[in-house]
N, C-alpha and C. Protein backbone atom coordinates (compact mmCIF):
# COMPACT_ATOMS: atom_id res chain seq x y z
N MET A 1 21.80 34.87 0.02
CA MET A 1 20.53 34.39 0.57
C MET A 1 20.71 34.14 2.06
N LYS A 2 19.92 34.84 2.87
CA LYS A 2 20.14 34.83 4.31
C LYS A 2 20.12 33.43 4.91
N ILE A 3 19.13 32.63 4.54
CA ILE A 3 19.02 31.30 5.14
C ILE A 3 20.21 30.43 4.76
N LEU A 4 20.68 30.53 3.51
CA LEU A 4 21.81 29.72 3.09
C LEU A 4 23.07 30.12 3.84
N PHE A 5 23.29 31.44 4.01
CA PHE A 5 24.46 31.90 4.76
C PHE A 5 24.41 31.40 6.19
N PHE A 6 23.24 31.51 6.81
CA PHE A 6 23.13 31.08 8.21
C PHE A 6 23.36 29.59 8.34
N LEU A 7 22.74 28.81 7.48
CA LEU A 7 22.86 27.36 7.59
C LEU A 7 24.27 26.89 7.32
N SER A 8 24.97 27.55 6.38
CA SER A 8 26.36 27.17 6.11
C SER A 8 27.21 27.41 7.35
N SER A 9 26.96 28.52 8.04
CA SER A 9 27.70 28.81 9.26
C SER A 9 27.34 27.80 10.35
N ALA A 10 26.08 27.43 10.40
CA ALA A 10 25.63 26.47 11.42
C ALA A 10 26.26 25.11 11.21
N ILE A 11 26.47 24.72 9.96
CA ILE A 11 27.10 23.43 9.68
C ILE A 11 28.47 23.37 10.34
N LEU A 12 29.24 24.43 10.20
CA LEU A 12 30.58 24.46 10.79
C LEU A 12 30.50 24.40 12.30
N TYR A 13 29.54 25.11 12.88
CA TYR A 13 29.41 25.15 14.33
C TYR A 13 29.03 23.79 14.88
N VAL A 14 28.04 23.16 14.28
CA VAL A 14 27.58 21.86 14.77
C VAL A 14 28.65 20.80 14.58
N ALA A 15 29.40 20.88 13.49
CA ALA A 15 30.48 19.92 13.26
C ALA A 15 31.50 20.00 14.38
N CYS A 16 31.75 21.20 14.86
CA CYS A 16 32.70 21.37 15.95
C CYS A 16 32.15 20.79 17.25
N LEU A 17 30.84 20.85 17.41
CA LEU A 17 30.24 20.32 18.63
C LEU A 17 30.38 18.81 18.69
N GLN A 18 30.52 18.14 17.58
CA GLN A 18 30.58 16.68 17.55
C GLN A 18 31.72 16.24 16.63
N SER A 19 33.14 16.49 17.38
CA SER A 19 34.32 16.05 16.67
C SER A 19 34.06 14.60 16.46
N THR A 20 -1.43 4.60 -8.40
CA THR A 20 -2.24 3.45 -8.69
C THR A 20 -1.37 2.25 -9.00
N GLY A 21 -0.47 2.05 -8.54
CA GLY A 21 0.47 0.97 -8.68
C GLY A 21 0.28 -0.06 -7.60
N THR A 22 1.25 -0.91 -7.48
CA THR A 22 1.16 -1.98 -6.50
C THR A 22 1.75 -1.52 -5.20
N HIS A 23 1.02 -1.63 -4.13
CA HIS A 23 1.51 -1.22 -2.83
C HIS A 23 2.44 -2.29 -2.29
N THR A 24 3.62 -1.87 -1.84
CA THR A 24 4.61 -2.85 -1.39
C THR A 24 4.30 -3.39 0.00
N SER A 25 3.56 -2.61 0.81
CA SER A 25 3.24 -3.01 2.19
C SER A 25 4.50 -3.44 2.94
N GLN A 26 5.57 -2.69 2.72
CA GLN A 26 6.85 -3.06 3.31
C GLN A 26 7.30 -1.99 4.29
N ALA A 27 7.67 -2.40 5.49
CA ALA A 27 8.17 -1.45 6.47
C ALA A 27 9.69 -1.47 6.43
N TYR A 28 10.28 -0.30 6.26
CA TYR A 28 11.73 -0.21 6.26
C TYR A 28 12.15 0.38 7.59
N VAL A 29 12.92 -0.37 8.35
CA VAL A 29 13.45 0.10 9.63
C VAL A 29 14.96 0.02 9.58
N ARG A 30 15.62 1.11 9.87
CA ARG A 30 17.07 1.15 9.81
C ARG A 30 17.67 0.20 10.85
N PRO A 31 18.60 -0.67 10.44
CA PRO A 31 19.21 -1.60 11.38
C PRO A 31 19.99 -0.87 12.46
N ILE A 32 19.97 -1.41 13.67
CA ILE A 32 20.74 -0.83 14.76
C ILE A 32 22.22 -0.90 14.39
N GLY A 33 22.89 0.24 14.59
CA GLY A 33 24.32 0.29 14.27
C GLY A 33 24.60 0.73 12.85
N GLY A 34 23.57 0.99 12.05
CA GLY A 34 23.77 1.50 10.70
C GLY A 34 24.11 0.40 9.72
N ASN A 35 24.47 0.82 8.52
CA ASN A 35 24.77 -0.14 7.46
C ASN A 35 26.20 -0.64 7.58
N ALA A 36 26.43 -1.84 7.08
CA ALA A 36 27.74 -2.47 7.19
C ALA A 36 28.81 -1.59 6.57
N GLY A 37 29.92 -1.43 7.31
CA GLY A 37 31.05 -0.68 6.79
C GLY A 37 30.89 0.82 6.89
N GLY A 38 29.70 1.28 7.24
CA GLY A 38 29.48 2.71 7.37
C GLY A 38 29.54 3.47 6.06
N ALA A 39 29.38 2.76 4.91
CA ALA A 39 29.50 3.41 3.61
C ALA A 39 28.33 4.34 3.32
N VAL A 40 27.15 3.97 3.78
CA VAL A 40 25.98 4.81 3.55
C VAL A 40 25.21 4.97 4.85
N ASP A 41 24.37 5.99 4.88
CA ASP A 41 23.53 6.24 6.05
C ASP A 41 22.16 6.67 5.55
N THR A 42 21.23 6.84 6.47
CA THR A 42 19.85 7.20 6.11
C THR A 42 19.39 8.40 6.91
N ALA A 43 18.78 9.35 6.24
CA ALA A 43 18.13 10.49 6.88
C ALA A 43 16.68 10.50 6.44
N THR A 44 15.78 10.93 7.32
CA THR A 44 14.35 10.88 7.01
C THR A 44 13.70 12.23 7.25
N PHE A 45 13.06 12.75 6.20
CA PHE A 45 12.45 14.07 6.25
C PHE A 45 11.04 14.06 5.67
N ALA A 46 10.20 14.94 6.20
CA ALA A 46 8.87 15.18 5.65
C ALA A 46 8.73 16.68 5.42
N GLY A 47 8.41 17.04 4.19
CA GLY A 47 8.29 18.46 3.87
C GLY A 47 7.18 18.72 2.88
N GLY A 48 6.00 18.16 3.16
CA GLY A 48 4.90 18.29 2.21
C GLY A 48 4.83 17.07 1.31
N CYS A 49 4.30 17.24 0.12
CA CYS A 49 4.16 16.14 -0.83
C CYS A 49 5.51 15.49 -1.09
N PHE A 50 5.59 14.17 -0.95
CA PHE A 50 6.89 13.52 -1.13
C PHE A 50 7.38 13.54 -2.56
N TRP A 51 6.50 13.80 -3.52
CA TRP A 51 6.98 13.94 -4.90
C TRP A 51 7.97 15.11 -5.00
N CYS A 52 7.65 16.22 -4.33
CA CYS A 52 8.52 17.40 -4.36
C CYS A 52 9.82 17.15 -3.63
N THR A 53 9.71 16.61 -2.42
CA THR A 53 10.89 16.39 -1.59
C THR A 53 11.84 15.41 -2.25
N GLU A 54 11.29 14.34 -2.80
CA GLU A 54 12.10 13.33 -3.47
C GLU A 54 12.88 13.95 -4.63
N ALA A 55 12.20 14.72 -5.47
CA ALA A 55 12.82 15.29 -6.66
C ALA A 55 13.99 16.20 -6.30
N GLN A 56 13.85 16.93 -5.19
CA GLN A 56 14.91 17.86 -4.81
C GLN A 56 16.13 17.13 -4.23
N PHE A 57 15.93 16.21 -3.32
CA PHE A 57 17.06 15.50 -2.73
C PHE A 57 17.79 14.63 -3.76
N GLN A 58 17.08 14.18 -4.79
CA GLN A 58 17.72 13.37 -5.82
C GLN A 58 18.82 14.14 -6.56
N GLN A 59 18.78 15.46 -6.51
CA GLN A 59 19.74 16.27 -7.24
C GLN A 59 21.11 16.32 -6.61
N LEU A 60 21.20 16.01 -5.32
CA LEU A 60 22.43 16.26 -4.57
C LEU A 60 23.48 15.16 -4.74
N ALA A 61 24.71 15.57 -4.98
CA ALA A 61 25.83 14.64 -5.03
C ALA A 61 25.98 13.98 -3.66
N GLY A 62 26.19 12.68 -3.66
CA GLY A 62 26.31 11.95 -2.41
C GLY A 62 25.03 11.29 -1.97
N VAL A 63 23.91 11.65 -2.59
CA VAL A 63 22.63 10.99 -2.32
C VAL A 63 22.47 9.87 -3.33
N ASP A 64 22.46 8.64 -2.85
CA ASP A 64 22.37 7.48 -3.74
C ASP A 64 20.93 7.18 -4.14
N THR A 65 20.02 7.21 -3.16
CA THR A 65 18.64 6.82 -3.40
C THR A 65 17.72 7.65 -2.52
N VAL A 66 16.54 7.97 -3.05
CA VAL A 66 15.50 8.62 -2.26
C VAL A 66 14.25 7.76 -2.37
N ILE A 67 13.73 7.34 -1.23
CA ILE A 67 12.56 6.46 -1.20
C ILE A 67 11.39 7.19 -0.58
N SER A 68 10.29 7.25 -1.29
CA SER A 68 9.09 7.91 -0.77
C SER A 68 8.26 6.92 0.05
N GLY A 69 7.71 7.39 1.14
CA GLY A 69 6.91 6.50 1.98
C GLY A 69 6.16 7.23 3.07
N TYR A 70 5.69 6.45 4.04
CA TYR A 70 4.86 6.97 5.12
C TYR A 70 5.49 6.60 6.46
N THR A 71 5.55 7.55 7.37
CA THR A 71 6.12 7.27 8.69
C THR A 71 5.49 8.20 9.71
N GLY A 72 5.67 7.83 10.99
CA GLY A 72 5.16 8.68 12.07
C GLY A 72 3.72 8.45 12.44
N GLY A 73 3.11 7.37 11.94
CA GLY A 73 1.69 7.12 12.20
C GLY A 73 1.46 5.90 13.07
N SER A 74 0.18 5.55 13.21
CA SER A 74 -0.21 4.47 14.12
C SER A 74 -0.80 3.26 13.42
N VAL A 75 -0.91 3.31 12.10
CA VAL A 75 -1.51 2.22 11.33
C VAL A 75 -0.43 1.48 10.57
N ALA A 76 -0.38 0.17 10.70
CA ALA A 76 0.62 -0.63 9.99
C ALA A 76 0.26 -0.75 8.51
N ASN A 77 1.27 -0.72 7.66
CA ASN A 77 1.09 -0.90 6.22
C ASN A 77 0.00 -0.01 5.63
N PRO A 78 0.05 1.28 5.87
CA PRO A 78 -1.00 2.15 5.36
C PRO A 78 -0.93 2.31 3.84
N SER A 79 -2.06 2.52 3.23
CA SER A 79 -2.11 2.82 1.80
C SER A 79 -2.14 4.34 1.62
N TYR A 80 -1.88 4.78 0.41
CA TYR A 80 -1.93 6.21 0.11
C TYR A 80 -3.33 6.76 0.40
N LYS A 81 -4.34 5.99 0.05
CA LYS A 81 -5.72 6.44 0.30
C LYS A 81 -5.96 6.65 1.78
N GLN A 82 -5.44 5.76 2.62
CA GLN A 82 -5.61 5.91 4.07
C GLN A 82 -4.86 7.12 4.59
N VAL A 83 -3.63 7.29 4.13
CA VAL A 83 -2.81 8.40 4.61
C VAL A 83 -3.42 9.75 4.24
N THR A 84 -4.01 9.83 3.05
CA THR A 84 -4.57 11.11 2.61
C THR A 84 -5.78 11.55 3.42
N THR A 85 -6.35 10.67 4.21
CA THR A 85 -7.46 11.09 5.08
C THR A 85 -6.95 11.94 6.24
N GLY A 86 -5.66 11.83 6.54
CA GLY A 86 -5.09 12.57 7.65
C GLY A 86 -5.35 11.94 9.00
N ARG A 87 -5.93 10.73 8.99
CA ARG A 87 -6.33 10.11 10.26
C ARG A 87 -5.38 8.99 10.72
N THR A 88 -4.38 8.66 9.93
CA THR A 88 -3.48 7.58 10.34
C THR A 88 -2.29 8.10 11.14
N GLY A 89 -2.07 9.40 11.11
CA GLY A 89 -0.94 9.99 11.82
C GLY A 89 0.35 10.00 11.02
N HIS A 90 0.34 9.39 9.84
CA HIS A 90 1.56 9.35 9.03
C HIS A 90 1.82 10.67 8.31
N ALA A 91 3.08 10.89 8.02
CA ALA A 91 3.48 11.99 7.15
C ALA A 91 4.00 11.39 5.85
N GLU A 92 3.78 12.10 4.75
CA GLU A 92 4.45 11.73 3.52
C GLU A 92 5.91 12.12 3.72
N ALA A 93 6.81 11.16 3.62
CA ALA A 93 8.20 11.40 3.95
C ALA A 93 9.13 10.72 2.96
N VAL A 94 10.41 11.03 3.07
CA VAL A 94 11.41 10.38 2.22
C VAL A 94 12.55 9.85 3.08
N ASN A 95 13.02 8.67 2.74
CA ASN A 95 14.26 8.14 3.28
C ASN A 95 15.35 8.51 2.28
N VAL A 96 16.31 9.28 2.74
CA VAL A 96 17.42 9.71 1.90
C VAL A 96 18.63 8.84 2.23
N ILE A 97 19.01 7.98 1.28
CA ILE A 97 20.16 7.10 1.46
C ILE A 97 21.38 7.84 0.90
N TYR A 98 22.33 8.16 1.77
CA TYR A 98 23.43 9.03 1.35
C TYR A 98 24.78 8.52 1.84
N ARG A 99 25.83 9.07 1.24
CA ARG A 99 27.20 8.71 1.62
C ARG A 99 27.81 9.85 2.42
N PRO A 100 28.00 9.66 3.72
CA PRO A 100 28.51 10.73 4.58
C PRO A 100 29.88 11.27 4.19
N ASP A 101 30.65 10.50 3.43
CA ASP A 101 31.95 11.00 3.01
C ASP A 101 31.83 11.98 1.85
N VAL A 102 30.62 12.09 1.27
CA VAL A 102 30.39 13.03 0.17
C VAL A 102 29.46 14.16 0.61
N ILE A 103 28.42 13.84 1.34
CA ILE A 103 27.47 14.84 1.83
C ILE A 103 27.13 14.50 3.28
N THR A 104 27.13 15.49 4.13
CA THR A 104 26.92 15.26 5.56
C THR A 104 25.46 15.44 5.94
N TYR A 105 25.13 14.96 7.14
CA TYR A 105 23.76 15.16 7.64
C TYR A 105 23.47 16.64 7.80
N ASP A 106 24.47 17.42 8.19
CA ASP A 106 24.28 18.86 8.32
C ASP A 106 23.88 19.49 6.99
N GLU A 107 24.51 19.04 5.91
CA GLU A 107 24.17 19.57 4.59
C GLU A 107 22.78 19.13 4.16
N LEU A 108 22.38 17.92 4.56
CA LEU A 108 21.02 17.48 4.26
C LEU A 108 20.00 18.32 5.02
N LEU A 109 20.32 18.69 6.26
CA LEU A 109 19.44 19.59 7.01
C LEU A 109 19.32 20.92 6.28
N GLU A 110 20.42 21.42 5.79
CA GLU A 110 20.41 22.67 5.03
C GLU A 110 19.46 22.55 3.83
N ALA A 111 19.59 21.43 3.11
CA ALA A 111 18.74 21.21 1.95
C ALA A 111 17.27 21.11 2.34
N PHE A 112 17.00 20.46 3.46
CA PHE A 112 15.63 20.29 3.94
C PHE A 112 14.96 21.64 4.18
N PHE A 113 15.67 22.56 4.82
CA PHE A 113 15.07 23.85 5.14
C PHE A 113 14.94 24.75 3.91
N ILE A 114 15.70 24.47 2.86
CA ILE A 114 15.55 25.19 1.60
C ILE A 114 14.41 24.60 0.77
N ALA A 115 14.22 23.28 0.88
CA ALA A 115 13.31 22.55 0.00
C ALA A 115 11.83 22.85 0.25
N HIS A 116 11.50 23.39 1.42
CA HIS A 116 10.09 23.64 1.72
C HIS A 116 9.98 24.81 2.69
N ASP A 117 8.76 25.17 3.03
CA ASP A 117 8.51 26.26 3.99
C ASP A 117 8.22 25.64 5.35
N PRO A 118 9.18 25.68 6.27
CA PRO A 118 8.99 25.03 7.57
C PRO A 118 8.12 25.82 8.55
N THR A 119 7.53 26.92 8.07
CA THR A 119 6.66 27.71 8.95
C THR A 119 5.18 27.41 8.71
N GLN A 120 4.87 26.57 7.73
CA GLN A 120 3.47 26.24 7.45
C GLN A 120 3.06 25.02 8.27
N LEU A 121 2.02 25.17 9.05
CA LEU A 121 1.57 24.09 9.93
C LEU A 121 0.64 23.14 9.19
N ASN A 122 1.04 21.87 9.14
CA ASN A 122 0.22 20.82 8.53
C ASN A 122 -0.21 21.16 7.11
N ARG A 123 0.73 21.71 6.34
CA ARG A 123 0.43 22.00 4.94
C ARG A 123 1.69 22.44 4.22
N GLN A 124 1.65 22.37 2.90
CA GLN A 124 2.60 23.04 2.03
C GLN A 124 1.79 23.54 0.85
N GLY A 125 1.56 24.84 0.83
CA GLY A 125 0.75 25.42 -0.23
C GLY A 125 -0.67 24.88 -0.20
N ASN A 126 -1.12 24.32 -1.32
CA ASN A 126 -2.48 23.80 -1.40
C ASN A 126 -2.60 22.37 -0.89
N ASP A 127 -1.48 21.75 -0.52
CA ASP A 127 -1.52 20.41 0.08
C ASP A 127 -1.74 20.59 1.58
N ILE A 128 -2.92 20.25 2.04
CA ILE A 128 -3.31 20.55 3.42
C ILE A 128 -3.65 19.28 4.20
N GLY A 129 -3.16 19.21 5.44
CA GLY A 129 -3.44 18.07 6.30
C GLY A 129 -2.19 17.66 7.05
N PRO A 130 -2.33 16.93 8.17
CA PRO A 130 -1.17 16.52 8.96
C PRO A 130 -0.22 15.61 8.20
N GLN A 131 -0.71 14.96 7.15
CA GLN A 131 0.16 14.11 6.34
C GLN A 131 1.19 14.94 5.56
N TYR A 132 0.98 16.25 5.49
CA TYR A 132 1.90 17.15 4.79
C TYR A 132 2.71 17.99 5.78
N ARG A 133 2.78 17.56 7.02
CA ARG A 133 3.49 18.35 8.03
C ARG A 133 5.00 18.38 7.76
N SER A 134 5.62 19.40 8.29
CA SER A 134 7.07 19.52 8.25
C SER A 134 7.64 18.77 9.44
N ALA A 135 8.48 17.77 9.19
CA ALA A 135 8.99 16.95 10.28
C ALA A 135 10.36 16.37 9.94
N ILE A 136 11.17 16.25 10.98
CA ILE A 136 12.45 15.55 10.87
C ILE A 136 12.34 14.31 11.75
N PHE A 137 12.54 13.16 11.16
CA PHE A 137 12.46 11.91 11.91
C PHE A 137 13.90 11.47 12.22
N TYR A 138 14.30 11.71 13.45
CA TYR A 138 15.70 11.46 13.81
C TYR A 138 15.94 10.00 14.13
N HIS A 139 17.11 9.52 13.70
CA HIS A 139 17.50 8.12 13.89
C HIS A 139 18.29 7.90 15.17
N ASP A 140 18.85 8.97 15.71
CA ASP A 140 19.62 8.85 16.95
C ASP A 140 19.67 10.22 17.62
N GLU A 141 20.27 10.27 18.80
CA GLU A 141 20.31 11.52 19.56
C GLU A 141 21.16 12.58 18.87
N GLY A 142 22.19 12.15 18.14
CA GLY A 142 23.00 13.11 17.42
C GLY A 142 22.20 13.88 16.39
N GLU A 143 21.37 13.16 15.63
CA GLU A 143 20.52 13.83 14.64
C GLU A 143 19.50 14.74 15.32
N ARG A 144 18.93 14.27 16.43
CA ARG A 144 17.95 15.09 17.13
C ARG A 144 18.56 16.39 17.63
N GLU A 145 19.75 16.29 18.21
CA GLU A 145 20.41 17.48 18.74
C GLU A 145 20.76 18.48 17.65
N LYS A 146 21.22 17.97 16.51
CA LYS A 146 21.55 18.86 15.40
C LYS A 146 20.31 19.57 14.88
N ALA A 147 19.24 18.79 14.67
CA ALA A 147 18.01 19.38 14.16
C ALA A 147 17.44 20.40 15.14
N GLU A 148 17.48 20.08 16.40
CA GLU A 148 16.99 21.00 17.44
C GLU A 148 17.80 22.29 17.43
N TYR A 149 19.11 22.17 17.29
CA TYR A 149 19.98 23.35 17.24
C TYR A 149 19.63 24.23 16.04
N TYR A 150 19.50 23.62 14.87
CA TYR A 150 19.19 24.39 13.67
C TYR A 150 17.88 25.15 13.83
N ILE A 151 16.86 24.48 14.30
CA ILE A 151 15.56 25.12 14.45
C ILE A 151 15.64 26.27 15.43
N ARG A 152 16.30 26.05 16.56
CA ARG A 152 16.42 27.11 17.56
C ARG A 152 17.15 28.33 17.00
N ARG A 153 18.25 28.09 16.31
CA ARG A 153 19.02 29.21 15.78
C ARG A 153 18.29 29.93 14.64
N LEU A 154 17.61 29.18 13.78
CA LEU A 154 16.84 29.81 12.70
C LEU A 154 15.75 30.71 13.28
N ASN A 155 15.12 30.25 14.35
CA ASN A 155 14.09 31.08 15.00
C ASN A 155 14.71 32.29 15.67
N GLU A 156 15.83 32.10 16.36
CA GLU A 156 16.48 33.21 17.06
C GLU A 156 16.95 34.29 16.09
N GLU A 157 17.43 33.86 14.94
CA GLU A 157 17.93 34.80 13.94
C GLU A 157 16.81 35.35 13.05
N LYS A 158 15.59 34.86 13.26
CA LYS A 158 14.42 35.30 12.49
C LYS A 158 14.69 35.21 10.98
N VAL A 159 15.23 34.06 10.59
CA VAL A 159 15.49 33.81 9.17
C VAL A 159 14.19 33.77 8.39
N TYR A 160 13.13 33.28 9.03
CA TYR A 160 11.79 33.28 8.43
C TYR A 160 10.93 34.32 9.11
N ASN A 161 9.89 34.75 8.42
CA ASN A 161 9.00 35.76 8.99
C ASN A 161 8.10 35.20 10.09
N GLN A 162 7.94 33.88 10.12
CA GLN A 162 7.11 33.22 11.11
C GLN A 162 7.94 32.15 11.82
N PRO A 163 7.52 31.73 13.02
CA PRO A 163 8.25 30.66 13.72
C PRO A 163 8.21 29.35 12.95
N ILE A 164 9.27 28.58 13.06
CA ILE A 164 9.34 27.25 12.44
C ILE A 164 8.45 26.29 13.22
N VAL A 165 7.66 25.51 12.50
CA VAL A 165 6.75 24.55 13.14
C VAL A 165 7.18 23.10 12.89
N THR A 166 8.36 22.91 12.34
CA THR A 166 8.88 21.56 12.08
C THR A 166 8.92 20.75 13.36
N THR A 167 8.36 19.55 13.33
CA THR A 167 8.40 18.67 14.51
C THR A 167 9.61 17.76 14.43
N LEU A 168 10.10 17.36 15.61
CA LEU A 168 11.17 16.38 15.70
C LEU A 168 10.56 15.11 16.27
N GLU A 169 10.59 14.05 15.49
CA GLU A 169 9.93 12.81 15.88
C GLU A 169 10.89 11.64 15.74
N PRO A 170 10.88 10.70 16.67
CA PRO A 170 11.78 9.55 16.56
C PRO A 170 11.40 8.68 15.37
N TYR A 171 12.40 8.19 14.68
CA TYR A 171 12.18 7.32 13.53
C TYR A 171 11.77 5.93 14.01
N THR A 172 10.67 5.44 13.47
CA THR A 172 10.21 4.10 13.83
C THR A 172 10.09 3.27 12.55
N ALA A 173 8.88 2.95 12.16
CA ALA A 173 8.67 2.19 10.92
C ALA A 173 8.47 3.14 9.76
N PHE A 174 9.09 2.80 8.64
CA PHE A 174 8.93 3.57 7.41
C PHE A 174 8.30 2.64 6.38
N TYR A 175 7.08 2.96 5.96
CA TYR A 175 6.37 2.11 5.01
C TYR A 175 6.55 2.67 3.59
N ILE A 176 7.17 1.89 2.75
CA ILE A 176 7.45 2.34 1.38
C ILE A 176 6.13 2.55 0.64
N ALA A 177 6.01 3.70 -0.01
CA ALA A 177 4.79 4.04 -0.73
C ALA A 177 4.62 3.18 -1.97
N GLU A 178 3.43 3.21 -2.52
CA GLU A 178 3.11 2.45 -3.72
C GLU A 178 4.12 2.73 -4.83
N ASP A 179 4.32 1.76 -5.70
CA ASP A 179 5.35 1.86 -6.73
C ASP A 179 5.21 3.12 -7.58
N TYR A 180 4.00 3.54 -7.87
CA TYR A 180 3.83 4.68 -8.78
C TYR A 180 4.23 6.01 -8.14
N HIS A 181 4.48 6.01 -6.83
CA HIS A 181 4.96 7.22 -6.17
C HIS A 181 6.48 7.36 -6.25
N GLN A 182 7.17 6.28 -6.54
CA GLN A 182 8.63 6.31 -6.55
C GLN A 182 9.17 6.97 -7.83
N ASN A 183 10.17 7.85 -7.63
CA ASN A 183 10.80 8.54 -8.76
C ASN A 183 9.75 9.28 -9.60
N TYR A 184 8.76 9.83 -8.92
CA TYR A 184 7.57 10.33 -9.59
C TYR A 184 7.85 11.43 -10.60
N PHE A 185 8.61 12.43 -10.20
CA PHE A 185 8.84 13.56 -11.11
C PHE A 185 9.57 13.13 -12.37
N ASN A 186 10.59 12.30 -12.22
CA ASN A 186 11.36 11.87 -13.38
C ASN A 186 10.54 11.04 -14.36
N LEU A 187 9.56 10.32 -13.83
CA LEU A 187 8.73 9.48 -14.69
C LEU A 187 7.50 10.21 -15.23
N ASN A 188 7.16 11.34 -14.61
CA ASN A 188 5.95 12.07 -15.02
C ASN A 188 6.21 13.57 -15.14
N PRO A 189 7.25 13.97 -15.86
CA PRO A 189 7.62 15.40 -15.89
C PRO A 189 6.58 16.33 -16.48
N ASN A 190 5.70 15.80 -17.33
CA ASN A 190 4.70 16.65 -17.98
C ASN A 190 3.36 16.68 -17.25
N GLN A 191 3.26 15.93 -16.16
CA GLN A 191 2.03 15.95 -15.38
C GLN A 191 1.83 17.34 -14.80
N ALA A 192 0.58 17.79 -14.71
CA ALA A 192 0.28 19.17 -14.31
C ALA A 192 0.90 19.54 -12.97
N TYR A 193 0.76 18.67 -11.96
CA TYR A 193 1.32 18.97 -10.64
C TYR A 193 2.83 19.15 -10.73
N CYS A 194 3.47 18.33 -11.54
CA CYS A 194 4.92 18.43 -11.70
C CYS A 194 5.31 19.77 -12.32
N GLN A 195 4.58 20.18 -13.36
CA GLN A 195 4.92 21.40 -14.06
C GLN A 195 4.66 22.66 -13.22
N TYR A 196 3.56 22.68 -12.50
CA TYR A 196 3.16 23.91 -11.80
C TYR A 196 3.63 23.98 -10.35
N VAL A 197 3.93 22.84 -9.75
CA VAL A 197 4.34 22.84 -8.34
C VAL A 197 5.81 22.43 -8.18
N ILE A 198 6.19 21.30 -8.78
CA ILE A 198 7.53 20.77 -8.55
C ILE A 198 8.59 21.55 -9.32
N VAL A 199 8.35 21.85 -10.57
CA VAL A 199 9.37 22.52 -11.40
C VAL A 199 9.86 23.83 -10.79
N PRO A 200 8.97 24.74 -10.35
CA PRO A 200 9.48 25.99 -9.74
C PRO A 200 10.33 25.73 -8.50
N LYS A 201 9.90 24.79 -7.65
CA LYS A 201 10.68 24.46 -6.45
C LYS A 201 12.04 23.89 -6.83
N LEU A 202 12.03 23.03 -7.83
CA LEU A 202 13.25 22.36 -8.25
C LEU A 202 14.25 23.35 -8.84
N GLU A 203 13.76 24.29 -9.62
CA GLU A 203 14.64 25.29 -10.22
C GLU A 203 15.30 26.15 -9.14
N LYS A 204 14.51 26.54 -8.14
CA LYS A 204 15.07 27.32 -7.03
C LYS A 204 16.10 26.51 -6.27
N PHE A 205 15.78 25.27 -5.99
CA PHE A 205 16.67 24.39 -5.24
C PHE A 205 18.00 24.21 -5.97
N LYS A 206 17.94 24.00 -7.27
CA LYS A 206 19.16 23.76 -8.05
C LYS A 206 20.03 25.01 -8.14
N LYS A 207 19.43 26.18 -8.12
CA LYS A 207 20.21 27.42 -8.12
C LYS A 207 20.96 27.58 -6.80
N VAL A 208 20.29 27.26 -5.70
CA VAL A 208 20.91 27.40 -4.39
C VAL A 208 22.06 26.42 -4.22
N PHE A 209 21.87 25.19 -4.71
CA PHE A 209 22.86 24.13 -4.49
C PHE A 209 23.64 23.79 -5.76
N LYS A 210 23.84 24.78 -6.62
CA LYS A 210 24.47 24.52 -7.91
C LYS A 210 25.87 23.93 -7.79
N GLU A 211 26.55 24.19 -6.69
CA GLU A 211 27.91 23.66 -6.51
C GLU A 211 27.90 22.24 -5.95
N ARG A 212 26.72 21.75 -5.55
CA ARG A 212 26.66 20.44 -4.91
C ARG A 212 25.73 19.47 -5.62
N LEU A 213 25.44 19.75 -6.88
CA LEU A 213 24.55 18.89 -7.65
C LEU A 213 25.34 17.74 -8.30
N LYS A 214 24.62 16.67 -8.61
CA LYS A 214 25.23 15.57 -9.35
C LYS A 214 25.63 16.06 -10.73
N GLN A 215 26.73 15.55 -11.21
CA GLN A 215 27.23 15.95 -12.54
C GLN A 215 26.64 15.04 -13.62
């Protein structure tokens, strides 16, 4: 698979460069300096409906938790209803809590570009609006530089038929989505959206990353 081969090569290169539920109304902001002891870290991605993105990242070894929420907007404590209007500026996104000694940020970038179509502007399939935009919310300059490099090289190598439209946005406040959005696929596997939208994406994702899935 061309994109997987390219991204695997890019991981090595970049590494060398840098030897209806209850709404929680809670903003999660990563502490300055990271988590104590450096045991875990956080990466933040938006790739369409967070139900899909969450389900895919949950499969990877080294990913401890995936939290669905809203980020990148101008309204504090937004509800799902507000975000779906497309007027708050938020994207449906996930905070991926991972262990860098098991899975690296570079590998998470690889997974991100496999998990969705980064050439669709403000949509993923039938999910349409800026809340479904493709975006990487970087926590520091290192993440920004890596993401920028990947996007530039993917475009230069024409891995996709269209230019990548993924935005790079600084991570600010992350508002945890309503309880019923969390772990959605695992709790609602027979729901129509899960069967017709998430399952095909998940099957493809698991085939690509079969060597890096949780046992």
